Amino acid sequence: QVQLLEAGGGLVQPGGSLSLSCATNGRVDSKYSMGWFRQFPGRERDLVARMMSDGSVEYGDFVEDRFTLFGDNARDMVFLQMRRLGPEDTAVYYCALERIPGAPMWGQGAQVTVDS
């Protein structure tokens, strides 16, 4: 079964930077987008950034040019660079691969903690 393999995250001081990466361990058909969502306790997952099948990138409203998503659609890989992180960015970040048709795929989640 194809899975999403995440790497990165961890603890960073306010104002610092972190990177997240995600790749599949096999071929995925009908890919619509691939990117990252984040989730706060008791809340639904919110879009951080995703790369569409045409290569365009969509960002969540809160990003404000602090985050950059780039990747390789042909190889099903995405990389998220996060800068100027603040405590409000502390969350679990999930890699997501959306398919049409088909159910979305999710990674296991990566904890990002911004704390001095």
C-alpha atoms as a PDB file:
ATOM      1  CA  GLN A   1       0.000   0.000   0.000  1.00  0.00           C
ATOM      2  CA  VAL A   2       1.382   3.397  -0.979  1.00  0.00           C
ATOM      3  CA  GLN A   3       2.146   5.679   1.946  1.00  0.00           C
ATOM      4  CA  LEU A   4       3.190   9.290   2.501  1.00  0.00           C
ATOM      5  CA  LEU A   5       6.579   9.562   4.166  1.00  0.00           C
ATOM      6  CA  GLU A   6       7.150  12.752   6.153  1.00  0.00           C
ATOM      7  CA  ALA A   7      10.368  14.206   7.532  1.00  0.00           C
ATOM      8  CA  GLY A   8      11.252  17.349   9.426  1.00  0.00           C
ATOM      9  CA  GLY A   9       9.506  19.382  12.081  1.00  0.00           C
ATOM     10  CA  GLY A  10      10.580  19.650  15.703  1.00  0.00           C
ATOM     11  CA  LEU A  11      11.276  22.479  18.114  1.00  0.00           C
ATOM     12  CA  VAL A  12      12.342  25.954  17.048  1.00  0.00           C
ATOM     13  CA  GLN A  13      12.597  29.321  18.749  1.00  0.00           C
ATOM     14  CA  PRO A  14      10.275  32.149  17.758  1.00  0.00           C
ATOM     15  CA  GLY A  15      11.485  33.808  14.587  1.00  0.00           C
ATOM     16  CA  GLY A  16      13.255  30.660  13.471  1.00  0.00           C
ATOM     17  CA  SER A  17      12.838  28.406  10.463  1.00  0.00           C
ATOM     18  CA  LEU A  18      11.951  24.778   9.875  1.00  0.00           C
ATOM     19  CA  SER A  19      11.447  22.556   6.858  1.00  0.00           C
ATOM     20  CA  LEU A  20       9.117  19.661   6.173  1.00  0.00           C
ATOM     21  CA  SER A  21       9.336  17.160   3.364  1.00  0.00           C
ATOM     22  CA  CYS A  22       6.962  14.539   2.074  1.00  0.00           C
ATOM     23  CA  ALA A  23       7.224  11.835  -0.559  1.00  0.00           C
ATOM     24  CA  THR A  24       5.329   8.762  -1.597  1.00  0.00           C
ATOM     25  CA  ASN A  25       6.830   5.282  -1.513  1.00  0.00           C
ATOM     26  CA  GLY A  26       5.082   4.266  -4.704  1.00  0.00           C
ATOM     27  CA  ARG A  27       3.097   5.467  -7.673  1.00  0.00           C
ATOM     28  CA  VAL A  28      -0.165   7.299  -7.054  1.00  0.00           C
ATOM     29  CA  ASP A  29      -2.779   7.721  -9.775  1.00  0.00           C
ATOM     30  CA  SER A  30      -5.350  10.495 -10.139  1.00  0.00           C
ATOM     31  CA  LYS A  31      -3.343  12.962  -8.036  1.00  0.00           C
ATOM     32  CA  TYR A  32      -5.103  16.331  -7.722  1.00  0.00           C
ATOM     33  CA  SER A  33      -2.780  18.049  -5.267  1.00  0.00           C
ATOM     34  CA  MET A  34      -0.038  17.412  -2.723  1.00  0.00           C
ATOM     35  CA  GLY A  35       0.929  19.561   0.203  1.00  0.00           C
ATOM     36  CA  TRP A  36       0.523  20.274   3.890  1.00  0.00           C
ATOM     37  CA  PHE A  37      -2.306  20.913   6.327  1.00  0.00           C
ATOM     38  CA  ARG A  38      -2.000  21.669  10.010  1.00  0.00           C
ATOM     39  CA  GLN A  39      -4.201  20.908  12.959  1.00  0.00           C
ATOM     40  CA  PHE A  40      -4.601  22.538  16.364  1.00  0.00           C
ATOM     41  CA  PRO A  41      -6.045  20.534  19.268  1.00  0.00           C
ATOM     42  CA  GLY A  42      -9.802  20.189  18.933  1.00  0.00           C
ATOM     43  CA  ARG A  43      -9.857  21.864  15.534  1.00  0.00           C
ATOM     44  CA  GLU A  44     -10.187  20.707  11.943  1.00  0.00           C
ATOM     45  CA  ARG A  45      -7.183  20.592   9.655  1.00  0.00           C
ATOM     46  CA  ASP A  46      -6.426  23.814   7.812  1.00  0.00           C
ATOM     47  CA  LEU A  47      -4.605  24.238   4.541  1.00  0.00           C
ATOM     48  CA  VAL A  48      -1.000  25.401   4.817  1.00  0.00           C
ATOM     49  CA  ALA A  49       0.064  24.990   1.204  1.00  0.00           C
ATOM     50  CA  ARG A  50      -0.531  22.580  -1.635  1.00  0.00           C
ATOM     51  CA  MET A  51       0.820  22.079  -5.120  1.00  0.00           C
ATOM     52  CA  MET A  52      -1.800  21.408  -7.751  1.00  0.00           C
ATOM     53  CA  SER A  53      -1.377  18.960 -10.618  1.00  0.00           C
ATOM     54  CA  ASP A  54      -0.552  21.859 -12.966  1.00  0.00           C
ATOM     55  CA  GLY A  55       2.313  22.993 -10.731  1.00  0.00           C
ATOM     56  CA  SER A  56       0.581  26.029  -9.257  1.00  0.00           C
ATOM     57  CA  VAL A  57       0.698  26.495  -5.485  1.00  0.00           C
ATOM     58  CA  GLU A  58      -2.115  27.497  -3.160  1.00  0.00           C
ATOM     59  CA  TYR A  59      -1.393  28.889   0.333  1.00  0.00           C
ATOM     60  CA  GLY A  60      -3.494  29.284   3.421  1.00  0.00           C
ATOM     61  CA  ASP A  61      -4.497  32.857   4.269  1.00  0.00           C
ATOM     62  CA  PHE A  62      -2.332  32.958   7.391  1.00  0.00           C
ATOM     63  CA  VAL A  63       0.924  32.222   5.541  1.00  0.00           C
ATOM     64  CA  GLU A  64       1.678  35.858   4.568  1.00  0.00           C
ATOM     65  CA  ASP A  65       4.767  34.979   2.496  1.00  0.00           C
ATOM     66  CA  ARG A  66       6.441  33.232   5.429  1.00  0.00           C
ATOM     67  CA  PHE A  67       6.155  29.757   3.943  1.00  0.00           C
ATOM     68  CA  THR A  68       7.246  28.431   0.556  1.00  0.00           C
ATOM     69  CA  LEU A  69       6.140  25.153  -0.966  1.00  0.00           C
ATOM     70  CA  PHE A  70       8.046  23.611  -3.816  1.00  0.00           C
ATOM     71  CA  GLY A  71       8.184  20.120  -5.187  1.00  0.00           C
ATOM     72  CA  ASP A  72       8.309  17.675  -8.023  1.00  0.00           C
ATOM     73  CA  ASN A  73       4.929  16.583  -9.304  1.00  0.00           C
ATOM     74  CA  ALA A  74       6.384  13.813 -11.444  1.00  0.00           C
ATOM     75  CA  ARG A  75       8.094  12.280  -8.396  1.00  0.00           C
ATOM     76  CA  ASP A  76       5.296  13.016  -5.920  1.00  0.00           C
ATOM     77  CA  MET A  77       7.515  15.036  -3.573  1.00  0.00           C
ATOM     78  CA  VAL A  78       6.914  18.330  -1.796  1.00  0.00           C
ATOM     79  CA  PHE A  79       9.035  20.486   0.484  1.00  0.00           C
ATOM     80  CA  LEU A  80       7.724  23.168   2.801  1.00  0.00           C
ATOM     81  CA  GLN A  81      10.066  25.889   4.033  1.00  0.00           C
ATOM     82  CA  MET A  82       8.735  27.824   7.013  1.00  0.00           C
ATOM     83  CA  ARG A  83      10.278  31.116   8.150  1.00  0.00           C
ATOM     84  CA  ARG A  84       9.572  33.653  10.888  1.00  0.00           C
ATOM     85  CA  LEU A  85       7.742  31.052  12.901  1.00  0.00           C
ATOM     86  CA  GLY A  86       5.763  32.129  15.930  1.00  0.00           C
ATOM     87  CA  PRO A  87       4.069  30.295  18.815  1.00  0.00           C
ATOM     88  CA  GLU A  88       0.809  30.485  16.847  1.00  0.00           C
ATOM     89  CA  ASP A  89       2.353  28.109  14.306  1.00  0.00           C
ATOM     90  CA  THR A  90       2.679  25.339  16.887  1.00  0.00           C
ATOM     91  CA  ALA A  91       0.586  22.445  15.552  1.00  0.00           C
ATOM     92  CA  VAL A  92       0.719  19.005  14.012  1.00  0.00           C
ATOM     93  CA  TYR A  93       1.470  19.302  10.315  1.00  0.00           C
ATOM     94  CA  TYR A  94       0.104  16.614   7.994  1.00  0.00           C
ATOM     95  CA  CYS A  95       1.205  15.829   4.482  1.00  0.00           C
ATOM     96  CA  ALA A  96      -1.804  15.330   2.230  1.00  0.00           C
ATOM     97  CA  LEU A  97      -2.220  13.946  -1.248  1.00  0.00           C
ATOM     98  CA  GLU A  98      -5.636  14.554  -2.719  1.00  0.00           C
ATOM     99  CA  ARG A  99      -6.955  12.404  -5.507  1.00  0.00           C
ATOM    100  CA  ILE A 100      -9.846  12.837  -7.924  1.00  0.00           C
ATOM    101  CA  PRO A 101     -11.384  10.332  -7.981  1.00  0.00           C
ATOM    102  CA  GLY A 102     -10.365   8.660  -4.787  1.00  0.00           C
ATOM    103  CA  ALA A 103      -9.956   9.317  -1.114  1.00  0.00           C
ATOM    104  CA  PRO A 104      -7.211  11.667   0.137  1.00  0.00           C
ATOM    105  CA  MET A 105      -4.048  10.187   1.609  1.00  0.00           C
ATOM    106  CA  TRP A 106      -2.552  11.520   4.853  1.00  0.00           C
ATOM    107  CA  GLY A 107       0.843  11.240   6.448  1.00  0.00           C
ATOM    108  CA  GLN A 108       1.318  10.344  10.085  1.00  0.00           C
ATOM    109  CA  GLY A 109       1.799  13.967  11.140  1.00  0.00           C
ATOM    110  CA  ALA A 110       4.828  15.992  12.189  1.00  0.00           C
ATOM    111  CA  GLN A 111       4.863  18.062  15.356  1.00  0.00           C
ATOM    112  CA  VAL A 112       6.069  21.626  14.975  1.00  0.00           C
ATOM    113  CA  THR A 113       6.643  23.470  18.234  1.00  0.00           C
ATOM    114  CA  VAL A 114       7.663  27.113  18.386  1.00  0.00           C
ATOM    115  CA  ASP A 115       8.833  27.992  21.878  1.00  0.00           C
ATOM    116  CA  SER A 116      11.675  29.833  23.541  1.00  0.00           C
END
